[in-house]
Amino acid sequence: MTADPVAIARDLIRCPSVTPEDGGALGFLQGLLEQAGFTVHRTIFTEPGTVPIDNLYARIGLAKPNLLFAGHTDVVPAGNEAAWSHPPFAGEVAGDILYGRGAVDMKGGIACFVAAALDYLAANGGKPKGSLSLLITGDEESVAVNGTIKLLKWAAERGQTFDHCILGEPSNVEVLGDTIKAGRRGSLNGTLIVTGRQGHVAYPERADNPIRGLITLMAALQAPLDEGSAHFSPSNLEFTSVDVGNTTVNLIPGEARARFNIRYNDRHSQAALKTLIEHRAQAAAGGRVHYTFEWQRSNADVFITKPGPFTDLAIAAIAEVTGRTPQLSTSGGTSDARFIKDYCPVLEFGLVGQTMHAVDERTPVADLIALTAIYRRIIEKYFA
C-alpha cells in the first residue's frame, strides 16, 4: 500500500469532531485528496433552527462509471472520558488495536477507502479508468438535515451523477467479511394521546382515567404488524416512553401520552402504515376511548439494493481478501444510505460494529489493513 490506513485513521481520530464540530477532520482529508489530484469542494449547509454543518465532496476523473464512497467524520460524544483505557481522541495503538472515538463509526472506514483510492491512483498513473468520488458529511450522528441529503442535492444540481456507492458504515457483526448491509427498514415515530376527564381518585365515577384507555390501545398496537418479507425481518412497533405529567398521587389525570417507533419493511409505505395503526386503534377503542395520533415527519424510508452485478462484485472482493462470503442483511438502524439510494444503488460495508458508540471504541489494525485491501479490490474490479 502506498497510503497507510492506520496513520490516516489515527489522524482523523485526533480531530475531536463531535457533531456538529468538524475539529479539523475535513481539512485533513482535503489536504490528502488534493495532493492526489482530486478536485475538492467544501460546502456549509444550514437552515433555521439548526447548526451550520461543514461537508466535503471530492472527485477525480470525468468519465463514467463514477464509483462513490461515502461516510461521515462526525462522532458521538465520548461520555465519561475517565472510563476509557486510552484517551478517546488520542488515536493510540496498543497491542495491535487502534483506540478512539470514531475508530469504528466511522473514521476507520473513511481512512480505509481513502487509502484504497490513493493506492489505486498511484498504481494507475494518478488517473482512474472512470471516476472516483468521495462524499463525506459532518452531520450523520445528529439530525442529519445539513449533511448528506443536501450534499447529494448540491452535487446533482452541478451535474454530478453516480453509478454505484459503497457506504463505509460498520456493517459486520462478528468478523470482517460476514455482512453487507444491502438495505434498511424504514423508521417512523409517533405519539399516541388519550384524553379523559380529570378528577379525584376517591371519586372515580366522576372522572375518566385516560391511563386505562392508553393501556388498551398500547396492547392492540403492539400486535405483530407482519411476518416479514423476502429481504426483511418482520416490522415492529416499540413504545419508548409513557407520560401523564402527574406529580399528585390523589389526582386522576386528564391526558396520557405514549411515544413509539416503528421499524418497517417493504410490505408497507409510511402512509399505509399510519392507516393500519389508526385502524387498529379505532377497533380497540370501540368508541369508548378518546385518542389522537401525532406523527413526526420521517426521511427514513425502507429500501433494498437487490442482488445483481454490483453486489456480486463486492461479495467476490470480500471473499478474495477474507475467505468469507458475506451475508446480505437489512437489519439495524438507519444510515445515510437512505438518502444515497435515491441517486444510485448503495451497499454498506465497513468494519465490525461491536464497539461503536461504546467506551473504548476500537478496531484491530489488521481489520483496517484488510478493509483497505477489500476496497482496493472493489475499485480494481469495478473499473476492469
Protein backbone atom coordinates (compact mmCIF):
# COMPACT_ATOMS: atom_id res chain seq x y z
CA MET A 1 0.00 0.00 0.00
CA THR A 2 1.22 3.48 -0.88
CA ALA A 3 -1.08 5.01 1.73
CA ASP A 4 -1.34 3.90 5.37
CA PRO A 5 -4.95 3.49 6.58
CA VAL A 6 -3.82 3.22 10.21
CA ALA A 7 -2.00 6.55 10.08
CA ILE A 8 -4.96 8.21 8.36
CA ALA A 9 -7.38 6.78 10.92
CA ARG A 10 -5.19 7.95 13.81
CA ASP A 11 -5.02 11.48 12.43
CA LEU A 12 -8.79 11.56 11.94
CA ILE A 13 -9.48 10.31 15.47
CA ARG A 14 -7.27 13.11 16.80
CA CYS A 15 -9.72 15.60 15.30
CA PRO A 16 -12.42 15.97 18.01
CA SER A 17 -15.32 16.14 15.55
CA VAL A 18 -18.27 15.58 17.89
CA THR A 19 -21.38 16.67 15.97
CA PRO A 20 -21.67 19.49 14.90
CA GLU A 21 -17.97 20.34 15.31
CA ASP A 22 -15.59 19.44 12.48
CA GLY A 23 -12.45 19.52 14.59
CA GLY A 24 -10.24 19.78 11.52
CA ALA A 25 -11.20 16.36 10.12
CA LEU A 26 -12.42 17.57 6.72
CA GLY A 27 -9.46 19.90 6.31
CA PHE A 28 -7.11 16.98 6.92
CA LEU A 29 -8.89 14.89 4.28
CA GLN A 30 -8.97 17.80 1.84
CA GLY A 31 -5.20 18.09 2.01
CA LEU A 32 -4.69 14.36 1.33
CA LEU A 33 -7.14 14.28 -1.57
CA GLU A 34 -5.97 17.46 -3.29
CA GLN A 35 -2.39 16.23 -3.17
CA ALA A 36 -3.55 13.08 -5.02
CA GLY A 37 -5.28 15.12 -7.75
CA PHE A 38 -8.89 15.20 -6.51
CA THR A 39 -10.98 18.30 -7.05
CA VAL A 40 -12.33 19.05 -3.58
CA HIS A 41 -15.35 21.16 -2.63
CA ARG A 42 -16.24 22.20 0.92
CA THR A 43 -19.86 23.18 1.43
CA ILE A 44 -21.60 24.50 4.54
CA PHE A 45 -25.35 23.92 4.85
CA THR A 46 -27.79 25.24 7.39
CA GLU A 47 -31.45 26.02 7.91
CA PRO A 48 -33.44 27.81 10.61
CA GLY A 49 -33.18 26.16 13.99
CA THR A 50 -30.12 24.08 13.10
CA VAL A 51 -26.35 24.45 13.40
CA PRO A 52 -24.31 25.01 10.19
CA ILE A 53 -22.53 21.83 9.06
CA ASP A 54 -19.33 21.54 7.03
CA ASN A 55 -19.28 18.86 4.30
CA LEU A 56 -16.83 17.63 1.66
CA TYR A 57 -17.27 16.39 -1.90
CA ALA A 58 -14.27 15.25 -3.94
CA ARG A 59 -13.93 13.76 -7.42
CA ILE A 60 -11.15 12.64 -9.70
CA GLY A 61 -11.89 11.77 -13.32
CA LEU A 62 -14.64 12.89 -15.68
CA ALA A 63 -15.60 9.65 -17.41
CA LYS A 64 -18.20 7.10 -16.44
CA PRO A 65 -18.70 4.97 -14.49
CA ASN A 66 -18.46 7.05 -11.33
CA LEU A 67 -17.92 4.99 -8.17
CA LEU A 68 -18.84 6.84 -4.99
CA PHE A 69 -17.52 6.20 -1.48
CA ALA A 70 -19.49 7.88 1.28
CA GLY A 71 -19.19 8.38 5.01
CA HIS A 72 -19.20 10.79 7.95
CA THR A 73 -16.45 12.25 10.10
CA ASP A 74 -18.71 13.38 12.94
CA VAL A 75 -18.81 11.20 16.03
CA VAL A 76 -20.92 10.85 19.18
CA PRO A 77 -19.58 12.28 22.47
CA ALA A 78 -17.02 10.24 24.38
CA GLY A 79 -19.07 10.29 27.58
CA ASN A 80 -17.06 9.74 30.76
CA GLU A 81 -13.51 10.05 29.44
CA ALA A 82 -12.12 8.70 32.71
CA ALA A 83 -13.77 5.36 31.90
CA TRP A 84 -11.64 4.96 28.76
CA SER A 85 -8.45 2.92 28.98
CA HIS A 86 -6.97 5.19 26.28
CA PRO A 87 -7.98 8.83 25.72
CA PRO A 88 -10.87 8.92 23.25
CA PHE A 89 -9.25 11.45 20.91
CA ALA A 90 -5.63 10.30 21.14
CA GLY A 91 -5.76 7.68 18.40
CA GLU A 92 -3.48 5.35 20.33
CA VAL A 93 -2.44 1.91 19.10
CA ALA A 94 -1.93 -0.65 21.87
CA GLY A 95 -1.45 -4.35 21.32
CA ASP A 96 -2.28 -4.02 17.61
CA ILE A 97 -5.61 -2.37 18.45
CA LEU A 98 -6.49 1.21 17.46
CA TYR A 99 -8.49 3.00 20.17
CA GLY A 100 -10.55 6.15 19.85
CA ARG A 101 -13.95 7.67 19.26
CA GLY A 102 -14.76 7.03 15.60
CA ALA A 103 -12.30 4.16 15.17
CA VAL A 104 -15.24 2.00 14.04
CA ASP A 105 -18.02 4.53 13.35
CA MET A 106 -16.67 5.61 11.03
CA LYS A 107 -13.31 7.32 10.74
CA GLY A 108 -11.70 3.89 10.36
CA GLY A 109 -13.86 3.16 7.32
CA ILE A 110 -13.08 6.55 5.78
CA ALA A 111 -9.36 6.01 6.32
CA CYS A 112 -9.60 2.67 4.53
CA PHE A 113 -11.42 3.91 1.44
CA VAL A 114 -9.19 6.99 1.19
CA ALA A 115 -6.08 4.79 1.43
CA ALA A 116 -7.52 2.38 -1.15
CA ALA A 117 -8.28 5.23 -3.56
CA LEU A 118 -4.81 6.74 -3.17
CA ASP A 119 -3.19 3.35 -3.72
CA TYR A 120 -5.27 2.70 -6.83
CA LEU A 121 -4.37 6.09 -8.28
CA ALA A 122 -0.68 5.59 -7.55
CA ALA A 123 -0.78 2.29 -9.44
CA ASN A 124 -2.62 3.80 -12.43
CA GLY A 125 -0.69 6.98 -13.17
CA GLY A 126 -2.93 9.12 -10.97
CA LYS A 127 -5.97 8.62 -13.20
CA PRO A 128 -8.91 6.26 -12.72
CA LYS A 129 -10.38 4.41 -15.69
CA GLY A 130 -13.66 6.11 -14.86
CA SER A 131 -14.27 8.47 -11.94
CA LEU A 132 -13.84 8.14 -8.20
CA SER A 133 -15.89 10.34 -5.88
CA LEU A 134 -15.99 10.81 -2.12
CA LEU A 135 -18.93 12.30 -0.26
CA ILE A 136 -18.22 12.96 3.42
CA THR A 137 -20.51 14.74 5.85
CA GLY A 138 -20.28 16.08 9.38
CA ASP A 139 -23.97 15.58 10.20
CA GLU A 140 -24.82 11.89 10.40
CA GLU A 141 -24.86 11.28 14.14
CA SER A 142 -27.35 14.07 14.81
CA VAL A 143 -30.47 15.21 12.95
CA ALA A 144 -28.90 14.62 9.50
CA VAL A 145 -30.54 17.60 7.80
CA ASN A 146 -27.47 19.63 6.78
CA GLY A 147 -25.28 16.79 5.58
CA THR A 148 -25.61 14.00 3.02
CA ILE A 149 -29.17 14.81 1.97
CA LYS A 150 -28.21 18.37 0.99
CA LEU A 151 -24.78 17.48 -0.34
CA LEU A 152 -26.31 14.98 -2.76
CA LYS A 153 -28.76 17.61 -4.00
CA TRP A 154 -25.92 20.14 -4.31
CA ALA A 155 -23.91 17.69 -6.41
CA ALA A 156 -26.87 16.80 -8.62
CA GLU A 157 -27.55 20.48 -9.32
CA ARG A 158 -23.99 20.69 -10.66
CA GLY A 159 -24.36 17.75 -12.99
CA GLN A 160 -22.72 15.14 -10.78
CA THR A 161 -24.12 11.63 -11.24
CA PHE A 162 -23.15 8.41 -9.53
CA ASP A 163 -23.38 4.86 -10.78
CA HIS A 164 -22.84 2.92 -7.54
CA CYS A 165 -21.91 3.67 -3.94
CA ILE A 166 -20.12 1.96 -1.08
CA LEU A 167 -21.02 3.48 2.29
CA GLY A 168 -18.34 2.70 4.86
CA GLU A 169 -20.61 2.23 7.89
CA PRO A 170 -19.62 -0.60 10.26
CA SER A 171 -21.69 -3.38 8.75
CA ASN A 172 -20.00 -6.53 10.02
CA VAL A 173 -21.39 -8.32 13.08
CA GLU A 174 -18.67 -10.63 14.41
CA VAL A 175 -15.73 -10.66 11.98
CA LEU A 176 -14.69 -8.65 8.96
CA GLY A 177 -16.39 -10.08 5.89
CA ASP A 178 -19.50 -11.57 7.47
CA THR A 179 -22.12 -8.97 6.48
CA ILE A 180 -23.04 -6.46 3.79
CA LYS A 181 -25.94 -4.14 4.54
CA ALA A 182 -27.97 -4.23 1.33
CA GLY A 183 -30.95 -2.27 2.63
CA ARG A 184 -32.58 -0.84 5.71
CA ARG A 185 -36.01 -0.92 7.28
CA GLY A 186 -37.87 2.36 7.44
CA SER A 187 -38.32 4.28 10.68
CA LEU A 188 -41.44 6.18 11.75
CA ASN A 189 -42.07 7.95 15.07
CA GLY A 190 -45.42 8.82 16.58
CA THR A 191 -47.18 9.74 19.81
CA LEU A 192 -50.47 8.24 20.99
CA ILE A 193 -52.51 10.73 23.05
CA VAL A 194 -55.51 9.58 25.09
CA THR A 195 -57.76 12.18 26.71
CA GLY A 196 -60.03 11.60 29.67
CA ARG A 197 -61.55 13.69 32.44
CA GLN A 198 -59.55 14.82 35.43
CA GLY A 199 -60.87 14.09 38.92
CA HIS A 200 -60.26 12.94 42.49
CA VAL A 201 -59.10 9.34 42.88
CA ALA A 202 -61.68 8.81 45.64
CA TYR A 203 -64.49 9.55 43.17
CA PRO A 204 -63.56 7.65 40.00
CA GLU A 205 -67.17 7.73 38.79
CA ARG A 206 -66.79 11.49 38.32
CA ALA A 207 -63.62 11.13 36.20
CA ASP A 208 -62.42 9.26 33.13
CA ASN A 209 -58.93 7.88 33.65
CA PRO A 210 -57.04 8.07 30.32
CA ILE A 211 -54.40 5.62 31.54
CA ARG A 212 -56.89 2.76 31.26
CA GLY A 213 -57.60 3.63 27.64
CA LEU A 214 -53.91 4.10 26.90
CA ILE A 215 -53.13 0.61 28.16
CA THR A 216 -55.89 -0.86 26.00
CA LEU A 217 -54.65 0.85 22.85
CA MET A 218 -50.98 0.09 23.54
CA ALA A 219 -51.76 -3.62 23.81
CA ALA A 220 -53.57 -3.55 20.45
CA LEU A 221 -50.84 -1.63 18.66
CA GLN A 222 -48.06 -3.97 19.81
CA ALA A 223 -49.57 -6.96 17.99
CA PRO A 224 -47.39 -8.20 15.09
CA LEU A 225 -47.53 -5.96 12.03
CA ASP A 226 -46.48 -8.61 9.50
CA GLU A 227 -44.43 -11.79 9.14
CA GLY A 228 -41.53 -10.24 7.27
CA SER A 229 -40.73 -10.33 3.57
CA ALA A 230 -38.20 -11.86 1.21
CA HIS A 231 -35.42 -9.44 2.19
CA PHE A 232 -36.59 -8.09 5.56
CA SER A 233 -37.43 -9.26 9.06
CA PRO A 234 -40.89 -8.51 10.47
CA SER A 235 -41.86 -4.91 11.12
CA ASN A 236 -42.13 -3.97 14.79
CA LEU A 237 -43.67 -1.21 16.88
CA GLU A 238 -41.98 -0.40 20.19
CA PHE A 239 -43.23 2.05 22.81
CA THR A 240 -40.35 4.14 24.11
CA SER A 241 -41.98 6.32 26.78
CA VAL A 242 -45.27 6.70 28.68
CA ASP A 243 -46.07 10.01 30.37
CA VAL A 244 -49.03 11.55 32.17
CA GLY A 245 -47.21 14.53 33.67
CA ASN A 246 -48.85 13.89 37.00
CA THR A 247 -46.97 14.50 40.26
CA THR A 248 -50.04 14.25 42.52
CA VAL A 249 -50.97 10.85 43.93
CA ASN A 250 -54.66 11.58 44.50
CA LEU A 251 -55.43 13.10 41.11
CA ILE A 252 -56.73 11.20 38.08
CA PRO A 253 -55.02 12.89 35.11
CA GLY A 254 -56.82 14.32 32.13
CA GLU A 255 -54.38 13.12 29.48
CA ALA A 256 -51.87 10.31 28.93
CA ARG A 257 -49.25 10.02 26.18
CA ALA A 258 -47.12 7.22 24.81
CA ARG A 259 -44.32 7.67 22.27
CA PHE A 260 -43.41 4.88 19.88
CA ASN A 261 -41.16 3.97 16.98
CA ILE A 262 -41.96 1.61 14.11
CA ARG A 263 -39.23 -0.13 12.10
CA TYR A 264 -40.99 -1.33 8.99
CA ASN A 265 -40.16 -3.46 5.97
CA ASP A 266 -41.02 -3.26 2.28
CA ARG A 267 -44.56 -4.53 2.84
CA HIS A 268 -45.52 -1.03 3.98
CA SER A 269 -45.35 2.57 2.90
CA GLN A 270 -45.45 5.32 5.51
CA ALA A 271 -48.99 6.29 4.51
CA ALA A 272 -50.26 2.71 4.57
CA LEU A 273 -48.56 2.09 7.91
CA LYS A 274 -50.24 5.10 9.51
CA THR A 275 -53.61 3.91 8.21
CA LEU A 276 -53.02 0.41 9.65
CA ILE A 277 -52.11 1.77 13.09
CA GLU A 278 -55.07 4.15 13.15
CA HIS A 279 -57.49 1.37 12.17
CA ARG A 280 -56.14 -0.86 14.95
CA ALA A 281 -56.57 1.92 17.48
CA GLN A 282 -60.11 2.60 16.29
CA ALA A 283 -61.08 -1.05 16.66
CA ALA A 284 -59.53 -1.32 20.13
CA ALA A 285 -61.10 1.95 21.30
CA GLY A 286 -64.59 0.74 20.45
CA GLY A 287 -65.93 4.27 20.70
CA ARG A 288 -65.10 4.35 24.43
CA VAL A 289 -61.53 5.72 24.35
CA HIS A 290 -60.85 9.22 23.04
CA TYR A 291 -57.46 9.42 21.34
CA THR A 292 -55.40 11.10 18.65
CA PHE A 293 -52.04 10.45 16.97
CA GLU A 294 -49.21 12.89 16.36
CA TRP A 295 -46.88 11.68 13.61
CA GLN A 296 -43.36 13.01 13.15
CA ARG A 297 -42.00 13.66 9.69
CA SER A 298 -39.63 10.91 8.62
CA ASN A 299 -36.92 10.85 5.95
CA ALA A 300 -36.04 7.23 6.78
CA ASP A 301 -37.98 5.13 4.30
CA VAL A 302 -37.41 1.45 3.62
CA PHE A 303 -35.12 0.48 0.72
CA ILE A 304 -33.28 -2.51 -0.73
CA THR A 305 -30.41 -2.84 -3.19
CA LYS A 306 -31.33 -6.13 -4.79
CA PRO A 307 -28.68 -8.71 -5.76
CA GLY A 308 -27.02 -8.05 -9.10
CA PRO A 309 -23.61 -7.48 -10.73
CA PHE A 310 -22.53 -4.77 -8.27
CA THR A 311 -23.45 -6.91 -5.27
CA ASP A 312 -21.67 -9.89 -6.83
CA LEU A 313 -18.56 -7.77 -7.37
CA ALA A 314 -18.48 -6.65 -3.73
CA ILE A 315 -19.05 -10.19 -2.45
CA ALA A 316 -16.24 -11.51 -4.63
CA ALA A 317 -13.80 -8.83 -3.45
CA ILE A 318 -14.62 -9.54 0.21
CA ALA A 319 -14.26 -13.30 -0.28
CA GLU A 320 -10.90 -12.93 -2.03
CA VAL A 321 -9.44 -10.93 0.86
CA THR A 322 -11.09 -12.57 3.88
CA GLY A 323 -12.05 -16.03 2.66
CA ARG A 324 -15.60 -15.34 3.83
CA THR A 325 -18.77 -14.98 1.79
CA PRO A 326 -20.77 -12.17 3.40
CA GLN A 327 -24.49 -12.40 4.02
CA LEU A 328 -26.75 -9.67 2.69
CA SER A 329 -28.57 -8.05 5.61
CA THR A 330 -31.21 -5.36 6.11
CA SER A 331 -31.06 -5.29 9.92
CA GLY A 332 -30.07 -2.44 12.18
CA GLY A 333 -30.91 1.23 12.37
CA THR A 334 -30.90 3.95 9.76
CA SER A 335 -27.91 5.41 7.93
CA ASP A 336 -27.19 7.94 5.21
CA ALA A 337 -27.81 5.15 2.71
CA ARG A 338 -31.48 6.18 2.95
CA PHE A 339 -30.54 9.36 1.08
CA ILE A 340 -27.97 7.88 -1.32
CA LYS A 341 -30.40 5.22 -2.62
CA ASP A 342 -32.34 7.99 -4.41
CA TYR A 343 -29.28 8.69 -6.58
CA CYS A 344 -27.68 5.29 -7.18
CA PRO A 345 -27.58 1.72 -5.83
CA VAL A 346 -25.78 1.62 -2.47
CA LEU A 347 -24.20 -1.09 -0.34
CA GLU A 348 -22.91 -0.62 3.20
CA PHE A 349 -19.68 -2.35 4.10
CA GLY A 350 -17.23 -1.32 6.78
CA LEU A 351 -15.62 -2.51 9.99
CA VAL A 352 -17.03 -4.74 12.74
CA GLY A 353 -19.54 -2.65 14.68
CA GLN A 354 -19.42 -4.20 18.16
CA THR A 355 -17.73 -1.25 19.91
CA MET A 356 -19.30 1.66 18.02
CA HIS A 357 -20.60 4.39 20.38
CA ALA A 358 -19.11 2.49 23.33
CA VAL A 359 -16.39 3.35 25.84
CA ASP A 360 -13.05 2.17 24.41
CA GLU A 361 -14.33 2.14 20.83
CA ARG A 362 -11.64 0.24 18.95
CA THR A 363 -10.69 -1.84 15.93
CA PRO A 364 -7.84 -4.26 15.19
CA VAL A 365 -5.11 -2.81 13.00
CA ALA A 366 -5.39 -6.00 10.92
CA ASP A 367 -9.02 -5.15 10.12
CA LEU A 368 -8.05 -1.69 8.87
CA ILE A 369 -5.47 -3.22 6.56
CA ALA A 370 -7.87 -5.92 5.35
CA LEU A 371 -10.73 -3.47 4.76
CA THR A 372 -8.41 -1.26 2.73
CA ALA A 373 -7.46 -4.29 0.62
CA ILE A 374 -11.16 -5.06 0.10
CA TYR A 375 -11.95 -1.50 -1.02
CA ARG A 376 -8.88 -1.56 -3.25
CA ARG A 377 -10.06 -4.77 -4.89
CA ILE A 378 -13.58 -3.37 -5.35
CA ILE A 379 -12.14 -0.35 -7.17
CA GLU A 380 -9.94 -2.53 -9.36
CA LYS A 381 -12.79 -4.87 -10.29
CA TYR A 382 -15.21 -2.01 -10.83
CA PHE A 383 -13.05 -0.28 -13.41
CA ALA A 384 -11.93 -3.52 -15.03
